[in-house]
Amino acid sequence: MADHIDMANDLAEAETARHIAAARQPIPVGVAGQCEQCGDEFPRLVRDHGGLRCGFCRDGRRKPR
């Protein structure tokens, strides 16, 4: 029967495998243009459920001014 340490090690291994799989996902190809959400010009926009958006709008971050 597995003890708490064995279960914790199994959980840690599964979590590590999940993180590695997520990191191996391909980076979407970007295109230059105008963000459909904020309207600013960027050298790289990525299409997602909200259209062609900049990284700031896509991630919900505030743009530096």
PDB file of N, CA and C in Angstrom:
ATOM      1  N   MET A   1       0.838  -1.182   0.000  1.00  0.00           N
ATOM      2  CA  MET A   1       0.000   0.000   0.000  1.00  0.00           C
ATOM      3  C   MET A   1       0.883   1.244   0.000  1.00  0.00           C
ATOM      4  N   ALA A   2       0.505   2.215  -0.798  1.00  0.00           N
ATOM      5  CA  ALA A   2       1.303   3.430  -0.924  1.00  0.00           C
ATOM      6  C   ALA A   2       1.105   4.342   0.283  1.00  0.00           C
ATOM      7  N   ASP A   3       2.186   4.945   0.717  1.00  0.00           N
ATOM      8  CA  ASP A   3       2.057   5.893   1.815  1.00  0.00           C
ATOM      9  C   ASP A   3       1.939   7.316   1.252  1.00  0.00           C
ATOM     10  N   HIS A   4       1.874   8.277   2.130  1.00  0.00           N
ATOM     11  CA  HIS A   4       1.669   9.667   1.723  1.00  0.00           C
ATOM     12  C   HIS A   4       2.812  10.191   0.860  1.00  0.00           C
ATOM     13  N   ILE A   5       4.007   9.793   1.146  1.00  0.00           N
ATOM     14  CA  ILE A   5       5.162  10.256   0.373  1.00  0.00           C
ATOM     15  C   ILE A   5       5.106   9.709  -1.048  1.00  0.00           C
ATOM     16  N   ASP A   6       4.741   8.432  -1.205  1.00  0.00           N
ATOM     17  CA  ASP A   6       4.610   7.862  -2.551  1.00  0.00           C
ATOM     18  C   ASP A   6       3.518   8.574  -3.348  1.00  0.00           C
ATOM     19  N   MET A   7       2.394   8.853  -2.692  1.00  0.00           N
ATOM     20  CA  MET A   7       1.301   9.559  -3.379  1.00  0.00           C
ATOM     21  C   MET A   7       1.726  10.975  -3.758  1.00  0.00           C
ATOM     22  N   ALA A   8       2.473  11.653  -2.904  1.00  0.00           N
ATOM     23  CA  ALA A   8       2.956  13.001  -3.200  1.00  0.00           C
ATOM     24  C   ALA A   8       3.942  12.971  -4.365  1.00  0.00           C
ATOM     25  N   ASN A   9       4.813  11.965  -4.399  1.00  0.00           N
ATOM     26  CA  ASN A   9       5.753  11.835  -5.513  1.00  0.00           C
ATOM     27  C   ASN A   9       5.019  11.563  -6.822  1.00  0.00           C
ATOM     28  N   ASP A  10       3.993  10.718  -6.795  1.00  0.00           N
ATOM     29  CA  ASP A  10       3.201  10.454  -8.002  1.00  0.00           C
ATOM     30  C   ASP A  10       2.513  11.719  -8.488  1.00  0.00           C
ATOM     31  N   LEU A  11       1.987  12.484  -7.561  1.00  0.00           N
ATOM     32  CA  LEU A  11       1.328  13.742  -7.913  1.00  0.00           C
ATOM     33  C   LEU A  11       2.325  14.729  -8.515  1.00  0.00           C
ATOM     34  N   ALA A  12       3.508  14.823  -7.928  1.00  0.00           N
ATOM     35  CA  ALA A  12       4.542  15.733  -8.438  1.00  0.00           C
ATOM     36  C   ALA A  12       4.990  15.320  -9.841  1.00  0.00           C
ATOM     37  N   GLU A  13       5.138  14.027 -10.079  1.00  0.00           N
ATOM     38  CA  GLU A  13       5.526  13.548 -11.408  1.00  0.00           C
ATOM     39  C   GLU A  13       4.455  13.860 -12.446  1.00  0.00           C
ATOM     40  N   ALA A  14       3.193  13.662 -12.087  1.00  0.00           N
ATOM     41  CA  ALA A  14       2.093  13.956 -13.008  1.00  0.00           C
ATOM     42  C   ALA A  14       2.024  15.449 -13.311  1.00  0.00           C
ATOM     43  N   GLU A  15       2.219  16.262 -12.298  1.00  0.00           N
ATOM     44  CA  GLU A  15       2.190  17.717 -12.483  1.00  0.00           C
ATOM     45  C   GLU A  15       3.353  18.172 -13.369  1.00  0.00           C
ATOM     46  N   THR A  16       4.526  17.612 -13.160  1.00  0.00           N
ATOM     47  CA  THR A  16       5.684  17.943 -13.990  1.00  0.00           C
ATOM     48  C   THR A  16       5.443  17.544 -15.435  1.00  0.00           C
ATOM     49  N   ALA A  17       4.887  16.373 -15.656  1.00  0.00           N
ATOM     50  CA  ALA A  17       4.582  15.918 -17.015  1.00  0.00           C
ATOM     51  C   ALA A  17       3.570  16.844 -17.684  1.00  0.00           C
ATOM     52  N   ARG A  18       2.578  17.311 -16.920  1.00  0.00           N
ATOM     53  CA  ARG A  18       1.578  18.226 -17.471  1.00  0.00           C
ATOM     54  C   ARG A  18       2.202  19.559 -17.855  1.00  0.00           C
ATOM     55  N   HIS A  19       3.112  20.065 -17.038  1.00  0.00           N
ATOM     56  CA  HIS A  19       3.788  21.328 -17.333  1.00  0.00           C
ATOM     57  C   HIS A  19       4.690  21.194 -18.565  1.00  0.00           C
ATOM     58  N   ILE A  20       5.379  20.094 -18.674  1.00  0.00           N
ATOM     59  CA  ILE A  20       6.246  19.867 -19.843  1.00  0.00           C
ATOM     60  C   ILE A  20       5.406  19.790 -21.113  1.00  0.00           C
ATOM     61  N   ALA A  21       4.281  19.084 -21.062  1.00  0.00           N
ATOM     62  CA  ALA A  21       3.401  18.980 -22.233  1.00  0.00           C
ATOM     63  C   ALA A  21       2.865  20.356 -22.630  1.00  0.00           C
ATOM     64  N   ALA A  22       2.521  21.178 -21.656  1.00  0.00           N
ATOM     65  CA  ALA A  22       2.022  22.526 -21.953  1.00  0.00           C
ATOM     66  C   ALA A  22       3.112  23.392 -22.572  1.00  0.00           C
ATOM     67  N   ALA A  23       4.349  23.240 -22.113  1.00  0.00           N
ATOM     68  CA  ALA A  23       5.453  24.034 -22.647  1.00  0.00           C
ATOM     69  C   ALA A  23       5.827  23.622 -24.066  1.00  0.00           C
ATOM     70  N   ARG A  24       5.490  22.404 -24.457  1.00  0.00           N
ATOM     71  CA  ARG A  24       5.824  21.921 -25.792  1.00  0.00           C
ATOM     72  C   ARG A  24       4.798  22.326 -26.854  1.00  0.00           C
ATOM     73  N   GLN A  25       3.735  23.020 -26.463  1.00  0.00           N
ATOM     74  CA  GLN A  25       2.741  23.454 -27.434  1.00  0.00           C
ATOM     75  C   GLN A  25       3.371  24.474 -28.376  1.00  0.00           C
ATOM     76  N   PRO A  26       3.034  24.409 -29.668  1.00  0.00           N
ATOM     77  CA  PRO A  26       3.636  25.352 -30.614  1.00  0.00           C
ATOM     78  C   PRO A  26       3.180  26.787 -30.343  1.00  0.00           C
ATOM     79  N   ILE A  27       4.078  27.713 -30.599  1.00  0.00           N
ATOM     80  CA  ILE A  27       3.759  29.137 -30.459  1.00  0.00           C
ATOM     81  C   ILE A  27       3.019  29.565 -31.723  1.00  0.00           C
ATOM     82  N   PRO A  28       1.840  30.188 -31.592  1.00  0.00           N
ATOM     83  CA  PRO A  28       1.096  30.587 -32.776  1.00  0.00           C
ATOM     84  C   PRO A  28       1.868  31.600 -33.619  1.00  0.00           C
ATOM     85  N   VAL A  29       1.726  31.479 -34.922  1.00  0.00           N
ATOM     86  CA  VAL A  29       2.378  32.407 -35.840  1.00  0.00           C
ATOM     87  C   VAL A  29       1.677  33.755 -35.739  1.00  0.00           C
ATOM     88  N   GLY A  30       2.434  34.809 -35.699  1.00  0.00           N
ATOM     89  CA  GLY A  30       1.858  36.142 -35.608  1.00  0.00           C
ATOM     90  C   GLY A  30       2.004  36.910 -36.902  1.00  0.00           C
ATOM     91  N   VAL A  31       1.205  37.936 -37.034  1.00  0.00           N
ATOM     92  CA  VAL A  31       1.266  38.819 -38.196  1.00  0.00           C
ATOM     93  C   VAL A  31       1.287  40.252 -37.687  1.00  0.00           C
ATOM     94  N   ALA A  32       1.887  41.130 -38.454  1.00  0.00           N
ATOM     95  CA  ALA A  32       1.912  42.549 -38.099  1.00  0.00           C
ATOM     96  C   ALA A  32       0.571  43.179 -38.475  1.00  0.00           C
ATOM     97  N   GLY A  33       0.180  44.186 -37.713  1.00  0.00           N
ATOM     98  CA  GLY A  33      -1.053  44.889 -38.054  1.00  0.00           C
ATOM     99  C   GLY A  33      -1.646  45.615 -36.869  1.00  0.00           C
ATOM    100  N   GLN A  34      -2.940  45.915 -37.002  1.00  0.00           N
ATOM    101  CA  GLN A  34      -3.662  46.677 -35.993  1.00  0.00           C
ATOM    102  C   GLN A  34      -4.483  45.728 -35.120  1.00  0.00           C
ATOM    103  N   CYS A  35      -4.342  45.881 -33.820  1.00  0.00           N
ATOM    104  CA  CYS A  35      -5.084  45.057 -32.869  1.00  0.00           C
ATOM    105  C   CYS A  35      -6.568  45.376 -32.995  1.00  0.00           C
ATOM    106  N   GLU A  36      -7.400  44.336 -33.096  1.00  0.00           N
ATOM    107  CA  GLU A  36      -8.836  44.533 -33.249  1.00  0.00           C
ATOM    108  C   GLU A  36      -9.508  44.980 -31.956  1.00  0.00           C
ATOM    109  N   GLN A  37      -8.820  44.885 -30.827  1.00  0.00           N
ATOM    110  CA  GLN A  37      -9.423  45.284 -29.558  1.00  0.00           C
ATOM    111  C   GLN A  37      -9.028  46.706 -29.176  1.00  0.00           C
ATOM    112  N   CYS A  38      -7.726  47.016 -29.180  1.00  0.00           N
ATOM    113  CA  CYS A  38      -7.297  48.340 -28.730  1.00  0.00           C
ATOM    114  C   CYS A  38      -7.023  49.294 -29.891  1.00  0.00           C
ATOM    115  N   GLY A  39      -6.814  48.762 -31.100  1.00  0.00           N
ATOM    116  CA  GLY A  39      -6.610  49.598 -32.273  1.00  0.00           C
ATOM    117  C   GLY A  39      -5.181  50.050 -32.500  1.00  0.00           C
ATOM    118  N   ASP A  40      -4.241  49.690 -31.630  1.00  0.00           N
ATOM    119  CA  ASP A  40      -2.838  50.077 -31.793  1.00  0.00           C
ATOM    120  C   ASP A  40      -2.148  49.153 -32.794  1.00  0.00           C
ATOM    121  N   GLU A  41      -1.092  49.668 -33.425  1.00  0.00           N
ATOM    122  CA  GLU A  41      -0.287  48.885 -34.364  1.00  0.00           C
ATOM    123  C   GLU A  41       0.756  48.087 -33.593  1.00  0.00           C
ATOM    124  N   PHE A  42       0.934  46.824 -33.981  1.00  0.00           N
ATOM    125  CA  PHE A  42       1.919  45.954 -33.349  1.00  0.00           C
ATOM    126  C   PHE A  42       2.620  45.123 -34.406  1.00  0.00           C
ATOM    127  N   PRO A  43       3.884  44.748 -34.160  1.00  0.00           N
ATOM    128  CA  PRO A  43       4.599  43.894 -35.114  1.00  0.00           C
ATOM    129  C   PRO A  43       4.127  42.442 -35.061  1.00  0.00           C
ATOM    130  N   ARG A  44       3.413  42.057 -34.003  1.00  0.00           N
ATOM    131  CA  ARG A  44       2.953  40.665 -33.901  1.00  0.00           C
ATOM    132  C   ARG A  44       1.576  40.616 -33.246  1.00  0.00           C
ATOM    133  N   LEU A  45       0.608  40.147 -34.003  1.00  0.00           N
ATOM    134  CA  LEU A  45      -0.744  39.908 -33.518  1.00  0.00           C
ATOM    135  C   LEU A  45      -1.037  38.431 -33.690  1.00  0.00           C
ATOM    136  N   VAL A  46      -1.844  37.875 -32.794  1.00  0.00           N
ATOM    137  CA  VAL A  46      -2.196  36.461 -32.865  1.00  0.00           C
ATOM    138  C   VAL A  46      -3.715  36.345 -32.913  1.00  0.00           C
ATOM    139  N   ARG A  47      -4.213  35.458 -33.799  1.00  0.00           N
ATOM    140  CA  ARG A  47      -5.654  35.240 -33.898  1.00  0.00           C
ATOM    141  C   ARG A  47      -6.099  34.311 -32.772  1.00  0.00           C
ATOM    142  N   ASP A  48      -7.130  34.737 -32.058  1.00  0.00           N
ATOM    143  CA  ASP A  48      -7.745  33.901 -31.032  1.00  0.00           C
ATOM    144  C   ASP A  48      -9.249  34.123 -31.095  1.00  0.00           C
ATOM    145  N   HIS A  49      -9.976  33.730 -30.066  1.00  0.00           N
ATOM    146  CA  HIS A  49     -11.433  33.855 -30.073  1.00  0.00           C
ATOM    147  C   HIS A  49     -11.894  35.308 -30.183  1.00  0.00           C
ATOM    148  N   GLY A  50     -11.030  36.263 -29.865  1.00  0.00           N
ATOM    149  CA  GLY A  50     -11.378  37.682 -29.943  1.00  0.00           C
ATOM    150  C   GLY A  50     -10.910  38.345 -31.223  1.00  0.00           C
ATOM    151  N   GLY A  51     -10.386  37.573 -32.180  1.00  0.00           N
ATOM    152  CA  GLY A  51      -9.871  38.134 -33.432  1.00  0.00           C
ATOM    153  C   GLY A  51      -8.366  38.281 -33.372  1.00  0.00           C
ATOM    154  N   LEU A  52      -7.837  39.162 -34.206  1.00  0.00           N
ATOM    155  CA  LEU A  52      -6.396  39.444 -34.190  1.00  0.00           C
ATOM    156  C   LEU A  52      -6.124  40.432 -33.065  1.00  0.00           C
ATOM    157  N   ARG A  53      -5.408  39.974 -32.048  1.00  0.00           N
ATOM    158  CA  ARG A  53      -5.168  40.828 -30.891  1.00  0.00           C
ATOM    159  C   ARG A  53      -3.699  40.837 -30.516  1.00  0.00           C
ATOM    160  N   CYS A  54      -3.286  41.949 -29.891  1.00  0.00           N
ATOM    161  CA  CYS A  54      -1.918  42.067 -29.380  1.00  0.00           C
ATOM    162  C   CYS A  54      -1.800  41.249 -28.100  1.00  0.00           C
ATOM    163  N   GLY A  55      -0.589  41.040 -27.663  1.00  0.00           N
ATOM    164  CA  GLY A  55      -0.353  40.259 -26.452  1.00  0.00           C
ATOM    165  C   GLY A  55      -0.959  40.896 -25.216  1.00  0.00           C
ATOM    166  N   PHE A  56      -0.980  42.222 -25.159  1.00  0.00           N
ATOM    167  CA  PHE A  56      -1.534  42.902 -23.994  1.00  0.00           C
ATOM    168  C   PHE A  56      -3.035  42.651 -23.875  1.00  0.00           C
ATOM    169  N   CYS A  57      -3.759  42.825 -24.978  1.00  0.00           N
ATOM    170  CA  CYS A  57      -5.211  42.596 -24.959  1.00  0.00           C
ATOM    171  C   CYS A  57      -5.530  41.124 -24.767  1.00  0.00           C
ATOM    172  N   ARG A  58      -4.768  40.261 -25.415  1.00  0.00           N
ATOM    173  CA  ARG A  58      -5.013  38.822 -25.319  1.00  0.00           C
ATOM    174  C   ARG A  58      -4.826  38.328 -23.888  1.00  0.00           C
ATOM    175  N   ASP A  59      -3.819  38.874 -23.179  1.00  0.00           N
ATOM    176  CA  ASP A  59      -3.520  38.431 -21.822  1.00  0.00           C
ATOM    177  C   ASP A  59      -4.208  39.260 -20.745  1.00  0.00           C
ATOM    178  N   GLY A  60      -4.908  40.327 -21.137  1.00  0.00           N
ATOM    179  CA  GLY A  60      -5.591  41.175 -20.164  1.00  0.00           C
ATOM    180  C   GLY A  60      -4.659  42.064 -19.374  1.00  0.00           C
ATOM    181  N   ARG A  61      -3.511  42.415 -19.970  1.00  0.00           N
ATOM    182  CA  ARG A  61      -2.539  43.278 -19.281  1.00  0.00           C
ATOM    183  C   ARG A  61      -2.676  44.711 -19.781  1.00  0.00           C
ATOM    184  N   ARG A  62      -2.229  45.650 -18.996  1.00  0.00           N
ATOM    185  CA  ARG A  62      -2.227  47.061 -19.364  1.00  0.00           C
ATOM    186  C   ARG A  62      -0.964  47.367 -20.177  1.00  0.00           C
ATOM    187  N   LYS A  63      -1.119  48.112 -21.265  1.00  0.00           N
ATOM    188  CA  LYS A  63       0.035  48.489 -22.095  1.00  0.00           C
ATOM    189  C   LYS A  63       0.863  49.556 -21.397  1.00  0.00           C
ATOM    190  N   PRO A  64       2.190  49.444 -21.454  1.00  0.00           N
ATOM    191  CA  PRO A  64       3.032  50.511 -20.880  1.00  0.00           C
ATOM    192  C   PRO A  64       2.927  51.764 -21.735  1.00  0.00           C
ATOM    193  N   ARG A  65       2.916  52.878 -21.112  1.00  0.00           N
ATOM    194  CA  ARG A  65       2.810  54.166 -21.856  1.00  0.00           C
ATOM    195  C   ARG A  65       4.076  54.930 -21.784  1.00  0.00           C
TER     196      ARG A  65
END
